[in-house]
Protein backbone atom coordinates (compact mmCIF):
# COMPACT_ATOMS: atom_id res chain seq x y z
CA MET A 1 -121.42 -174.39 -74.84
CA ILE A 2 -118.92 -175.13 -77.60
CA THR A 3 -118.26 -178.65 -78.77
CA LEU A 4 -114.73 -179.31 -79.97
CA PRO A 5 -113.67 -182.06 -82.33
CA PRO A 6 -111.90 -184.88 -80.46
CA GLU A 7 -108.48 -184.03 -81.92
CA VAL A 8 -108.78 -180.43 -80.71
CA GLU A 9 -109.89 -181.59 -77.28
CA ILE A 10 -106.80 -183.79 -77.06
CA LEU A 11 -104.49 -180.92 -78.03
CA VAL A 12 -106.07 -178.55 -75.52
CA GLN A 13 -106.08 -181.13 -72.74
CA ARG A 14 -102.41 -181.88 -73.44
CA GLN A 15 -101.57 -178.19 -72.97
CA VAL A 16 -103.46 -178.05 -69.67
CA GLU A 17 -101.87 -181.28 -68.40
CA SER A 18 -98.41 -179.95 -69.25
CA GLY A 19 -98.96 -177.14 -66.78
CA LYS A 20 -98.69 -174.41 -69.39
CA TYR A 21 -102.30 -173.40 -68.77
CA GLY A 22 -104.47 -173.62 -65.69
CA SER A 23 -107.65 -174.52 -67.53
CA ILE A 24 -109.11 -175.45 -70.87
CA GLU A 25 -110.48 -171.93 -71.16
CA GLU A 26 -106.99 -170.41 -70.68
CA ALA A 27 -105.52 -172.69 -73.34
CA LEU A 28 -108.27 -171.90 -75.82
CA LEU A 29 -107.98 -168.16 -75.13
CA ALA A 30 -104.21 -168.28 -75.71
CA GLY A 31 -104.76 -170.12 -78.97
CA MET A 32 -107.36 -167.64 -80.17
CA GLN A 33 -105.13 -164.69 -79.23
CA LEU A 34 -102.25 -166.21 -81.16
CA LEU A 35 -104.47 -166.78 -84.19
CA GLU A 36 -105.74 -163.19 -84.04
CA GLN A 37 -102.18 -161.88 -83.77
CA GLN A 38 -101.05 -163.98 -86.73
CA GLN A 39 -103.95 -162.81 -88.90
CA SER A 40 -103.31 -159.20 -87.97
CA GLU A 41 -99.61 -159.51 -88.87
CA GLU A 42 -100.48 -161.12 -92.20
CA GLU A 43 -102.91 -158.32 -93.02
CA ASP A 44 -100.29 -155.71 -92.11
CA ILE A 45 -97.70 -157.36 -94.36
CA TYR A 46 -100.02 -157.45 -97.37
CA GLN A 47 -101.49 -154.00 -96.79
CA GLY A 48 -98.04 -152.46 -96.47
CA ARG A 49 -96.94 -154.06 -99.74
CA LEU A 50 -100.12 -153.62 -101.75
CA PRO A 51 -99.02 -150.45 -103.63
CA GLU A 52 -95.64 -152.02 -104.42
CA LEU A 53 -97.24 -155.26 -105.63
CA GLN A 54 -99.70 -153.32 -107.79
CA ARG A 55 -96.83 -151.32 -109.32
CA LEU A 56 -94.85 -154.50 -110.06
CA ALA A 57 -97.89 -156.16 -111.58
CA GLN A 58 -98.40 -153.13 -113.83
CA ILE A 59 -94.75 -153.25 -114.94
CA GLY A 60 -95.09 -156.96 -115.72
CA TRP A 61 -98.26 -156.40 -117.69
CA GLU A 62 -96.68 -153.59 -119.73
CA GLU A 63 -93.59 -155.70 -120.46
CA SER A 64 -95.74 -158.64 -121.56
CA GLN A 65 -97.65 -156.34 -123.92
CA ARG A 66 -94.33 -155.28 -125.49
CA GLY A 67 -93.26 -158.92 -125.78
CA ALA A 68 -90.42 -158.40 -123.30
CA VAL A 69 -91.03 -161.65 -121.43
CA VAL A 70 -89.69 -165.19 -121.75
CA ASP A 71 -91.30 -168.53 -121.11
CA GLY A 72 -90.64 -170.50 -117.93
CA PRO A 73 -88.00 -172.94 -119.25
CA THR A 74 -86.07 -170.10 -120.90
CA ALA A 75 -86.18 -168.06 -117.69
CA MET A 76 -84.93 -171.03 -115.65
CA ASN A 77 -82.08 -171.64 -118.09
CA GLN A 78 -81.09 -167.97 -117.85
CA ILE A 79 -81.16 -168.13 -114.04
CA LEU A 80 -79.08 -171.32 -113.98
CA GLU A 81 -76.55 -169.86 -116.41
CA ASP A 82 -76.27 -166.74 -114.26
CA LEU A 83 -75.68 -168.87 -111.15
CA ARG A 84 -73.06 -170.95 -112.95
CA SER A 85 -71.21 -167.83 -114.08
CA ARG A 86 -71.26 -166.45 -110.54
CA PHE A 87 -70.50 -169.59 -108.54
CA GLY A 88 -69.17 -172.16 -111.00
CA ASP A 89 -70.95 -175.25 -112.21
CA GLY A 90 -70.64 -177.12 -108.92
CA GLN A 91 -68.61 -179.92 -110.44
CA SER A 92 -65.11 -180.66 -109.15
């Protein structure tokens, strides 16, 4: 037997009472299947991008070793200036 916290019991019972699920077990199973699907999709996303992320991290490290990086405020100012030159300053 599994004991659920009261707030979880309320959520599950609400799903059953809405008619979406025929029993508490069905509602819990649907929730667990959704969680498993979400975790699987997240793993797929990160696994598919791992080589790319490693390559980008290596590029960043090499650039920082050459001193080819800027601090946060400088980077933000450069981004804002680029946006202003593309789209105007937003003032009318």
